[in-house]
């Protein structure tokens, strides 16, 4: 009904399958191009009737001739993939000679990989494609890869709000999906220098990346996306029209858009024109401003029926705010104050260690040593990094690889810094904190800081400078959290 990819692949399959077939779809699908594929199939002897070479199609399936055929793939790489998928039944003489540049090239690589898994090798030379059998290599059951196209919105949400989502399954697939490039593309969009990003290999991510570009400082130009005009809607024109409604400065070009950022969002109703990819990108925008509404959100059912339910669930699961830093820098006091200001739960991993073992930390260290304390501290961090909490994390916990993973996966991490002399003076006056090395506090603090500061820096999303009083720390932290985790 809506799927352009399916309609093109089924056209080729119906042409070689005996019987009479009718292929049709929604009004928008009936407007999408398919003529180059029909010309190539007819050149092979296919009997296909259509008005203006668009859906609906009436196909009389039968064996086709296996001679060379020419194809213009410039409008869509799917035309080439459709012919390649039926190539194994067309004989040794069959080859495809392309007459134009192929867009979205990674999709041809995916087709090649799929053919290879069932025992066929795709060869390409000078725009000519042939498919030959590979002796002894054939699978009857194929695992379907996870969909990087649908995951793109989540990577952008992650980058905009300092969120985390589990993406381990994405990396297990064997197909080289073009949309796998989105994490690296987002990393390249840090800073404020003017950028030009060619999305020819992953055009479906332009809308998601455009949301991030509207937030970043500076000018971002996207090129290589002219084929987006022939999707479920003219995605370039719709993107420009709808982004302007919410206050985003954006201009349309022949093959992309140019965005100036940052932008202050305003309330509006956004119309994705029934396009699932547009609706998902608009969904990320709606997470950034409560006044943004999306018309026809159900259009995402085409590829991701639970998308907006998953967004709502993510919104109900706020991340933990974890405070890290040296002992005696004031993490506990700051965490307690922040939790009160935010209406959040306060947690302290030192308190959790004492509750788990039923003894005070000096007693634990004296009786069992630092190693026993650190093992229990790992459990305490796992318990303390609960959704929506503000958690003070013990100074040495970051030396544990497990704790490092927990912090990266579950928390917005704030590094609370202070001068070594001030920390040493506080440790001397406290008298309750067990020594880490047996050295004088001034020596010990500098030794430990030299070891831990690279870890703190690598984990921190926010770094508070030394020398601030409590109120200054609170205000600086709240300001940085707002800048980091919201529009």
Protein backbone atom coordinates (compact mmCIF):
# COMPACT_ATOMS: atom_id res chain seq x y z
CA UNK A 1 0.00 0.00 0.00
CA UNK A 2 2.77 2.46 0.94
CA UNK A 3 6.13 0.73 0.47
CA UNK A 4 8.14 1.83 -2.55
CA UNK A 5 10.86 -0.77 -1.97
CA UNK A 6 8.34 -3.62 -1.80
CA UNK A 7 6.47 -2.47 -4.91
CA UNK A 8 9.67 -2.39 -6.98
CA UNK A 9 10.97 -5.74 -5.78
CA UNK A 10 7.56 -7.38 -6.27
CA UNK A 11 7.33 -5.98 -9.79
CA UNK A 12 10.47 -7.86 -10.79
CA UNK A 13 9.42 -11.02 -8.95
CA UNK A 14 5.92 -10.98 -10.48
CA UNK A 15 7.43 -10.58 -13.95
CA UNK A 16 9.23 -13.97 -13.67
CA UNK A 17 6.47 -15.79 -11.76
CA UNK A 18 3.82 -17.49 -13.95
CA UNK A 19 0.37 -16.02 -13.46
CA UNK A 20 -1.53 -12.76 -13.74
CA UNK A 21 -0.67 -10.16 -11.12
CA UNK A 22 -1.93 -6.71 -10.22
CA UNK A 23 0.22 -4.38 -8.12
CA UNK A 24 -1.24 -1.18 -6.73
CA UNK A 25 -0.90 1.05 -3.70
CA UNK A 26 -1.78 4.34 -2.05
CA UNK A 27 -2.26 7.53 -4.04
CA UNK A 28 1.25 8.67 -3.15
CA UNK A 29 2.78 5.31 -4.09
CA UNK A 30 1.05 5.49 -7.47
CA UNK A 31 2.95 8.73 -8.11
CA UNK A 32 6.38 7.35 -7.27
CA UNK A 33 8.72 6.53 -10.19
CA UNK A 34 9.07 2.99 -11.50
CA UNK A 35 9.38 3.55 -15.28
CA UNK A 36 13.14 2.75 -15.58
CA UNK A 37 12.57 -0.66 -14.01
CA UNK A 38 9.58 -1.34 -16.29
CA UNK A 39 11.63 -0.48 -19.39
CA UNK A 40 14.36 -2.94 -18.41
CA UNK A 41 11.90 -5.72 -17.60
CA UNK A 42 10.05 -5.20 -20.89
CA UNK A 43 13.38 -5.39 -22.71
CA UNK A 44 13.72 -8.87 -21.21
CA UNK A 45 10.27 -9.81 -22.53
CA UNK A 46 8.08 -8.98 -19.52
CA UNK A 47 4.42 -8.26 -20.25
CA UNK A 48 3.50 -5.27 -18.08
CA UNK A 49 0.58 -2.90 -18.63
CA UNK A 50 0.49 0.48 -16.90
CA UNK A 51 -0.82 3.99 -17.44
CA UNK A 52 2.07 6.46 -17.69
CA UNK A 53 4.35 3.68 -16.41
CA UNK A 54 3.13 4.02 -12.83
CA UNK A 55 1.14 1.85 -10.46
CA UNK A 56 -1.26 0.11 -10.74
CA UNK A 57 0.56 -2.51 -12.83
CA UNK A 58 -0.96 -5.52 -14.57
CA UNK A 59 1.70 -8.17 -15.05
CA UNK A 60 1.56 -11.48 -16.88
CA UNK A 61 4.40 -13.43 -15.31
CA UNK A 62 6.49 -15.83 -17.40
CA UNK A 63 10.15 -16.89 -17.84
CA UNK A 64 12.22 -13.99 -19.18
CA UNK A 65 15.11 -13.87 -21.64
CA UNK A 66 18.53 -13.84 -20.02
CA UNK A 67 20.33 -11.41 -22.33
CA UNK A 68 22.07 -8.16 -21.31
CA UNK A 69 19.80 -5.26 -20.40
CA UNK A 70 20.30 -1.54 -19.83
CA UNK A 71 19.02 0.27 -16.72
CA UNK A 72 18.88 3.90 -15.65
CA UNK A 73 19.22 3.75 -11.81
CA UNK A 74 19.55 7.50 -11.25
CA UNK A 75 16.13 7.88 -9.57
CA UNK A 76 16.54 4.93 -7.20
CA UNK A 77 19.04 2.18 -6.42
CA UNK A 78 15.99 -0.03 -5.79
CA UNK A 79 15.56 -0.51 -9.56
CA UNK A 80 18.99 -2.12 -9.73
CA UNK A 81 18.42 -4.21 -6.59
CA UNK A 82 15.14 -5.50 -8.01
CA UNK A 83 16.86 -6.78 -11.17
CA UNK A 84 19.78 -8.21 -9.22
CA UNK A 85 17.44 -10.22 -6.99
CA UNK A 86 15.93 -12.03 -9.99
CA UNK A 87 19.27 -12.38 -11.80
CA UNK A 88 19.92 -15.94 -10.53
CA UNK A 89 17.01 -17.28 -12.62
CA UNK A 90 17.90 -15.38 -15.80
CA UNK A 91 20.93 -17.41 -16.88
CA UNK A 92 24.63 -16.85 -17.46
CA UNK A 93 24.21 -14.39 -20.34
CA UNK A 94 22.25 -11.93 -18.22
CA UNK A 95 23.97 -8.74 -17.13
CA UNK A 96 22.85 -5.25 -16.24
CA UNK A 97 24.49 -2.25 -17.87
CA UNK A 98 23.82 0.93 -15.89
CA UNK A 99 23.60 4.19 -17.81
CA UNK A 100 23.81 6.65 -14.90
CA UNK A 101 25.28 7.20 -11.44
CA UNK A 102 23.77 4.98 -8.74
CA UNK A 103 22.41 6.84 -5.67
CA UNK A 104 22.40 5.38 -2.15
CA UNK A 105 25.19 3.01 -3.06
CA UNK A 106 25.23 1.10 0.27
CA UNK A 107 21.89 -0.47 -0.66
CA UNK A 108 23.58 -2.18 -3.61
CA UNK A 109 26.22 -3.44 -1.18
CA UNK A 110 23.40 -4.84 0.97
CA UNK A 111 21.92 -6.58 -2.09
CA UNK A 112 25.34 -8.04 -2.85
CA UNK A 113 25.66 -9.34 0.71
CA UNK A 114 22.18 -10.91 0.63
CA UNK A 115 22.89 -12.65 -2.68
CA UNK A 116 26.20 -13.93 -1.38
CA UNK A 117 24.52 -15.52 1.64
CA UNK A 118 22.33 -17.64 -0.63
CA UNK A 119 25.17 -18.69 -2.90
CA UNK A 120 25.46 -16.01 -5.57
CA UNK A 121 28.36 -13.64 -6.21
CA UNK A 122 27.74 -10.15 -7.59
CA UNK A 123 30.47 -8.75 -9.81
CA UNK A 124 30.72 -5.19 -11.05
CA UNK A 125 33.01 -3.65 -13.67
CA UNK A 126 32.58 -0.33 -15.47
CA UNK A 127 28.89 -0.08 -14.58
CA UNK A 128 28.15 -3.67 -15.66
CA UNK A 129 26.69 -6.08 -13.11
CA UNK A 130 26.66 -9.88 -13.35
CA UNK A 131 25.59 -12.58 -10.88
CA UNK A 132 27.26 -15.99 -10.78
CA UNK A 133 26.76 -19.03 -8.51
CA UNK A 134 29.26 -19.75 -5.73
CA UNK A 135 29.88 -23.48 -5.45
CA UNK A 136 28.92 -25.04 -2.13
CA UNK A 137 27.72 -21.82 -0.52
CA UNK A 138 23.98 -21.58 0.08
CA UNK A 139 21.83 -20.90 3.12
CA UNK A 140 18.18 -21.80 3.40
CA UNK A 141 17.53 -19.65 6.49
CA UNK A 142 18.65 -16.02 6.70
CA UNK A 143 18.67 -13.79 9.78
CA UNK A 144 17.14 -10.38 9.11
CA UNK A 145 19.29 -7.49 10.30
CA UNK A 146 18.02 -4.80 12.63
CA UNK A 147 16.94 -1.56 10.96
CA UNK A 148 19.45 1.27 11.18
CA UNK A 149 17.05 3.60 9.39
CA UNK A 150 14.57 3.46 12.27
CA UNK A 151 17.38 3.78 14.83
CA UNK A 152 18.53 7.13 13.45
CA UNK A 153 15.99 9.14 15.43
CA UNK A 154 17.25 7.58 18.66
CA UNK A 155 20.87 8.48 17.94
CA UNK A 156 19.79 12.09 17.43
CA UNK A 157 17.72 12.08 20.62
CA UNK A 158 20.76 10.68 22.42
CA UNK A 159 22.96 13.49 21.08
CA UNK A 160 20.41 16.22 21.87
CA UNK A 161 19.48 15.20 25.39
CA UNK A 162 22.48 13.26 26.69
CA UNK A 163 20.26 10.18 26.74
CA UNK A 164 21.39 6.61 26.29
CA UNK A 165 19.68 3.76 24.53
CA UNK A 166 20.83 0.19 24.03
CA UNK A 167 22.12 -0.27 20.49
CA UNK A 168 24.09 -3.50 20.89
CA UNK A 169 21.79 -5.44 18.54
CA UNK A 170 22.36 -2.93 15.75
CA UNK A 171 26.03 -3.83 15.51
CA UNK A 172 25.43 -7.58 15.21
CA UNK A 173 24.04 -7.50 11.67
CA UNK A 174 26.16 -8.46 8.70
CA UNK A 175 24.75 -6.04 6.11
CA UNK A 176 26.60 -2.79 5.50
CA UNK A 177 23.58 -0.53 5.87
CA UNK A 178 24.33 3.04 4.81
CA UNK A 179 22.50 4.42 7.83
CA UNK A 180 25.17 2.88 10.07
CA UNK A 181 27.09 6.09 9.41
CA UNK A 182 24.82 8.25 11.55
CA UNK A 183 26.78 7.91 14.85
CA UNK A 184 29.99 9.12 13.19
CA UNK A 185 28.15 11.86 11.33
CA UNK A 186 26.70 13.19 14.58
CA UNK A 187 30.17 13.22 16.15
CA UNK A 188 31.42 15.28 13.20
CA UNK A 189 28.70 17.87 13.89
CA UNK A 190 30.17 19.06 17.18
CA UNK A 191 31.65 22.54 17.24
CA UNK A 192 30.47 25.61 15.35
CA UNK A 193 32.44 25.51 12.09
CA UNK A 194 30.39 25.56 8.86
CA UNK A 195 29.72 22.01 7.69
CA UNK A 196 28.80 20.38 4.39
CA UNK A 197 27.51 16.83 4.79
CA UNK A 198 26.91 14.54 1.81
CA UNK A 199 24.05 12.16 2.67
CA UNK A 200 23.96 10.37 -0.69
CA UNK A 201 24.83 7.07 1.03
CA UNK A 202 22.18 7.50 3.76
CA UNK A 203 19.55 10.02 2.55
CA UNK A 204 16.80 8.76 4.88
CA UNK A 205 18.77 10.20 7.80
CA UNK A 206 18.75 13.77 6.49
CA UNK A 207 15.56 14.64 8.39
CA UNK A 208 16.94 13.32 11.69
CA UNK A 209 20.30 15.02 11.18
CA UNK A 210 18.48 18.25 10.29
CA UNK A 211 16.92 18.24 13.77
CA UNK A 212 20.39 18.12 15.29
CA UNK A 213 21.67 20.78 12.88
CA UNK A 214 18.90 23.13 14.03
CA UNK A 215 20.30 22.85 17.57
CA UNK A 216 24.02 23.18 16.81
CA UNK A 217 25.77 26.53 16.51
CA UNK A 218 26.69 27.42 12.95
CA UNK A 219 25.75 26.65 9.37
CA UNK A 220 25.07 23.10 8.21
CA UNK A 221 24.52 22.21 4.56
CA UNK A 222 23.23 18.80 3.50
CA UNK A 223 23.85 17.70 -0.09
CA UNK A 224 23.32 14.54 -2.15
CA UNK A 225 19.64 14.11 -1.28
CA UNK A 226 17.80 14.94 -4.50
CA UNK A 227 16.15 11.50 -4.56
CA UNK A 228 14.24 12.42 -1.36
CA UNK A 229 11.83 14.32 -3.59
CA UNK A 230 10.44 11.02 -4.87
CA UNK A 231 9.70 9.37 -1.52
CA UNK A 232 6.37 9.17 0.33
CA UNK A 233 6.37 12.96 0.00
CA UNK A 234 8.80 15.54 -1.35
CA UNK A 235 10.85 15.31 1.81
CA UNK A 236 13.02 18.35 1.11
CA UNK A 237 10.10 20.71 0.50
CA UNK A 238 8.07 19.34 3.40
CA UNK A 239 11.05 19.55 5.76
CA UNK A 240 11.64 23.21 4.89
CA UNK A 241 7.97 24.15 5.17
CA UNK A 242 7.42 22.41 8.51
CA UNK A 243 10.73 23.43 10.12
CA UNK A 244 9.93 27.06 9.39
CA UNK A 245 6.66 26.66 11.31
CA UNK A 246 8.60 25.99 14.52
CA UNK A 247 11.10 28.80 13.96
CA UNK A 248 14.03 26.95 12.36
CA UNK A 249 16.05 28.91 9.81
CA UNK A 250 16.28 26.62 6.80
CA UNK A 251 16.66 27.02 3.03
CA UNK A 252 16.00 24.48 0.29
CA UNK A 253 18.57 23.67 -2.40
CA UNK A 254 18.35 21.46 -5.47
CA UNK A 255 19.72 18.43 -3.62
CA UNK A 256 19.40 19.25 0.06
CA UNK A 257 18.91 21.98 2.66
CA UNK A 258 20.94 24.60 4.53
CA UNK A 259 20.25 25.21 8.22
CA UNK A 260 21.50 28.04 10.43
CA UNK A 261 21.58 27.31 14.13
CA UNK A 262 20.90 27.42 16.93
CA UNK A 263 17.18 28.14 16.80
CA UNK A 264 14.56 28.89 19.43
CA UNK A 265 11.61 26.57 18.90
CA UNK A 266 7.99 27.68 19.02
CA UNK A 267 4.69 25.82 19.19
CA UNK A 268 3.20 24.53 15.94
CA UNK A 269 1.38 21.62 14.32
CA UNK A 270 3.63 19.69 11.96
CA UNK A 271 2.27 17.75 8.99
CA UNK A 272 4.47 14.84 7.84
CA UNK A 273 2.15 14.26 4.85
CA UNK A 274 1.83 10.59 5.72
CA UNK A 275 5.59 10.01 5.57
CA UNK A 276 6.89 7.77 8.37
CA UNK A 277 10.45 9.13 8.24
CA UNK A 278 9.23 12.72 8.46
CA UNK A 279 6.97 11.87 11.41
CA UNK A 280 9.81 10.25 13.37
CA UNK A 281 12.08 13.28 12.89
CA UNK A 282 9.22 15.56 13.94
CA UNK A 283 8.73 13.32 16.98
CA UNK A 284 12.24 14.20 18.16
CA UNK A 285 11.43 17.90 17.72
CA UNK A 286 8.25 17.42 19.75
CA UNK A 287 10.34 16.00 22.60
CA UNK A 288 12.19 19.33 22.67
CA UNK A 289 9.12 21.60 22.91
CA UNK A 290 5.84 20.70 24.55
CA UNK A 291 3.90 22.94 22.15
CA UNK A 292 4.83 20.95 19.02
CA UNK A 293 2.14 18.55 17.80
CA UNK A 294 2.26 16.07 14.93
CA UNK A 295 -0.65 15.42 12.59
CA UNK A 296 -1.22 11.77 11.65
CA UNK A 297 1.42 10.21 13.92
CA UNK A 298 0.05 6.78 12.97
CA UNK A 299 1.86 7.01 9.64
CA UNK A 300 4.94 5.61 11.43
CA UNK A 301 3.12 2.25 11.49
CA UNK A 302 4.60 1.59 8.06
CA UNK A 303 8.04 0.85 9.53
CA UNK A 304 7.95 1.38 13.33
CA UNK A 305 4.46 0.98 14.84
CA UNK A 306 5.62 1.50 18.42
CA UNK A 307 7.78 4.56 17.81
CA UNK A 308 5.71 7.13 19.69
CA UNK A 309 5.00 4.66 22.50
CA UNK A 310 8.75 4.16 22.86
CA UNK A 311 9.29 7.93 22.87
CA UNK A 312 6.72 8.31 25.64
CA UNK A 313 8.39 5.53 27.63
CA UNK A 314 11.76 7.25 27.25
CA UNK A 315 10.25 10.49 28.52
CA UNK A 316 8.94 8.67 31.60
CA UNK A 317 12.42 7.30 32.37
CA UNK A 318 14.64 10.27 33.26
CA UNK A 319 18.34 9.54 33.53
CA UNK A 320 20.26 9.63 36.76
CA UNK A 321 22.51 12.62 37.49
CA UNK A 322 25.77 11.23 38.88
CA UNK A 323 28.33 13.43 40.65
CA UNK A 324 31.92 12.21 40.46
CA UNK A 325 35.17 13.69 41.73
CA UNK A 326 37.76 13.40 44.48
CA UNK A 327 36.80 12.74 48.09
CA UNK A 328 35.94 15.84 50.11
CA UNK A 329 35.08 18.02 47.10
CA UNK A 330 31.48 18.37 48.30
CA UNK A 331 29.68 15.85 46.07
CA UNK A 332 27.26 14.72 48.78
CA UNK A 333 26.19 18.24 49.77
CA UNK A 334 25.78 19.27 46.14
CA UNK A 335 23.85 16.10 45.24
CA UNK A 336 21.46 16.55 48.18
CA UNK A 337 20.86 20.21 47.26
CA UNK A 338 20.36 19.45 43.55
CA UNK A 339 17.93 16.65 44.35
CA UNK A 340 15.88 19.03 46.47
CA UNK A 341 15.83 21.70 43.74
CA UNK A 342 14.84 19.16 41.09
CA UNK A 343 12.36 17.22 43.21
CA UNK A 344 14.49 14.12 42.68
CA UNK A 345 15.65 11.24 44.87
CA UNK A 346 19.03 11.69 46.59
CA UNK A 347 21.48 8.78 46.70
CA UNK A 348 25.02 8.45 48.05
CA UNK A 349 27.05 5.36 47.19
CA UNK A 350 29.03 5.54 50.45
CA UNK A 351 25.75 5.32 52.38
CA UNK A 352 24.69 2.38 50.21
CA UNK A 353 27.98 0.55 50.90
CA UNK A 354 27.48 0.96 54.64
CA UNK A 355 23.89 -0.26 54.37
CA UNK A 356 24.92 -3.29 52.31
CA UNK A 357 27.66 -4.35 54.75
CA UNK A 358 26.10 -3.05 57.97
CA UNK A 359 29.28 -1.23 59.02
CA UNK A 360 30.89 2.17 58.64
CA UNK A 361 33.43 2.60 55.86
CA UNK A 362 36.47 3.08 58.16
CA UNK A 363 35.60 -0.23 59.84
CA UNK A 364 35.15 -2.01 56.49
CA UNK A 365 38.54 -0.78 55.25
CA UNK A 366 40.29 -1.58 58.54
CA UNK A 367 38.84 -5.10 58.79
CA UNK A 368 38.69 -6.20 55.14
CA UNK A 369 40.80 -3.72 53.17
CA UNK A 370 40.10 -1.41 50.25
CA UNK A 371 39.57 -4.26 47.77
CA UNK A 372 36.54 -5.56 49.69
CA UNK A 373 35.17 -2.03 49.89
CA UNK A 374 35.60 -1.52 46.13
CA UNK A 375 33.77 -4.77 45.31
CA UNK A 376 30.78 -3.70 47.37
CA UNK A 377 31.02 -0.20 45.95
CA UNK A 378 30.38 -1.62 42.46
CA UNK A 379 27.08 -3.04 43.74
CA UNK A 380 26.28 0.26 45.43
CA UNK A 381 26.81 2.21 42.21
CA UNK A 382 24.55 -0.20 40.32
CA UNK A 383 21.84 0.37 42.94
CA UNK A 384 22.42 4.11 43.23
CA UNK A 385 22.24 5.02 39.54
CA UNK A 386 18.47 4.73 39.44
CA UNK A 387 16.35 6.68 36.98
CA UNK A 388 15.57 10.19 38.18
CA UNK A 389 17.99 10.15 41.11
CA UNK A 390 20.84 12.55 41.90
CA UNK A 391 23.66 10.32 43.11
CA UNK A 392 26.96 11.18 44.78
CA UNK A 393 29.50 8.56 43.66
CA UNK A 394 32.53 7.63 45.76
CA UNK A 395 35.75 9.23 44.56
CA UNK A 396 37.55 6.00 43.66
CA UNK A 397 34.60 4.16 42.14
CA UNK A 398 35.57 5.37 38.66
CA UNK A 399 38.64 3.11 38.71
CA UNK A 400 36.31 0.13 38.18
CA UNK A 401 35.57 -0.69 34.50
CA UNK A 402 32.11 -1.89 35.58
CA UNK A 403 31.35 1.45 37.23
CA UNK A 404 32.60 3.28 34.14
CA UNK A 405 30.15 1.30 31.99
CA UNK A 406 27.30 1.94 34.43
CA UNK A 407 27.97 5.68 34.41
CA UNK A 408 28.09 5.86 30.63
CA UNK A 409 24.94 3.78 30.23
CA UNK A 410 22.75 5.26 32.95
CA UNK A 411 23.80 8.76 33.95
CA UNK A 412 24.48 12.33 33.04
CA UNK A 413 27.87 12.64 34.72
CA UNK A 414 28.94 15.82 36.52
CA UNK A 415 32.60 16.12 37.53
CA UNK A 416 32.89 18.25 40.69
CA UNK A 417 36.38 19.76 40.84
CA UNK A 418 38.33 21.46 43.62
CA UNK A 419 41.93 22.53 44.27
CA UNK A 420 44.20 19.87 45.79
CA UNK A 421 45.20 22.05 48.77
CA UNK A 422 41.56 22.66 49.72
CA UNK A 423 40.77 18.93 49.47
CA UNK A 424 43.80 18.03 51.60
CA UNK A 425 42.81 20.57 54.26
CA UNK A 426 39.27 19.16 54.41
CA UNK A 427 40.58 15.59 54.73
CA UNK A 428 42.86 16.62 57.63
CA UNK A 429 40.04 18.39 59.47
CA UNK A 430 37.57 15.55 58.88
CA UNK A 431 39.67 12.82 60.45
CA UNK A 432 37.09 10.11 59.66
CA UNK A 433 38.20 9.24 56.13
CA UNK A 434 40.61 6.29 55.94
CA UNK A 435 43.85 7.01 54.12
CA UNK A 436 44.23 5.62 50.62
CA UNK A 437 48.04 5.39 50.59
CA UNK A 438 49.28 6.14 54.12
CA UNK A 439 50.91 9.36 52.90
CA UNK A 440 50.30 12.86 54.23
CA UNK A 441 46.98 14.16 52.81
CA UNK A 442 48.70 16.84 50.71
CA UNK A 443 50.93 14.23 49.04
CA UNK A 444 48.22 11.58 48.83
CA UNK A 445 45.65 13.87 47.21
CA UNK A 446 48.04 14.93 44.45
CA UNK A 447 49.09 11.35 43.74
CA UNK A 448 45.51 10.12 43.54
CA UNK A 449 44.35 13.13 41.50
CA UNK A 450 47.04 12.44 38.90
CA UNK A 451 45.71 8.89 38.55
CA UNK A 452 42.00 9.64 38.55
CA UNK A 453 41.59 12.92 36.71
CA UNK A 454 41.94 11.32 33.23
CA UNK A 455 39.11 8.95 34.21
CA UNK A 456 36.93 11.77 35.52
CA UNK A 457 37.51 13.75 32.34
CA UNK A 458 36.68 10.83 30.05
CA UNK A 459 33.38 10.18 31.87
CA UNK A 460 32.18 13.74 32.43
CA UNK A 461 29.33 15.30 30.50
CA UNK A 462 29.60 18.42 32.67
CA UNK A 463 32.69 19.78 34.46
CA UNK A 464 32.24 22.21 37.36
CA UNK A 465 35.30 24.43 37.90
CA UNK A 466 37.07 24.65 41.28
CA UNK A 467 36.55 27.57 43.63
CA UNK A 468 32.73 27.78 43.52
CA UNK A 469 30.57 27.95 46.61
CA UNK A 470 27.53 25.70 46.98
CA UNK A 471 25.00 28.09 45.44
CA UNK A 472 27.31 28.84 42.51
CA UNK A 473 27.79 25.13 41.94
CA UNK A 474 24.05 24.50 41.99
CA UNK A 475 23.31 27.28 39.50
CA UNK A 476 26.19 26.29 37.22
CA UNK A 477 25.10 22.66 37.28
CA UNK A 478 21.45 23.46 36.54
CA UNK A 479 22.46 25.77 33.69
CA UNK A 480 24.78 23.18 32.17
CA UNK A 481 22.15 20.46 32.54
CA UNK A 482 19.60 22.63 30.73
CA UNK A 483 22.04 23.34 27.90
CA UNK A 484 23.14 19.73 27.64
CA UNK A 485 19.88 17.86 28.06
CA UNK A 486 17.26 20.07 26.43
CA UNK A 487 16.81 22.39 23.48
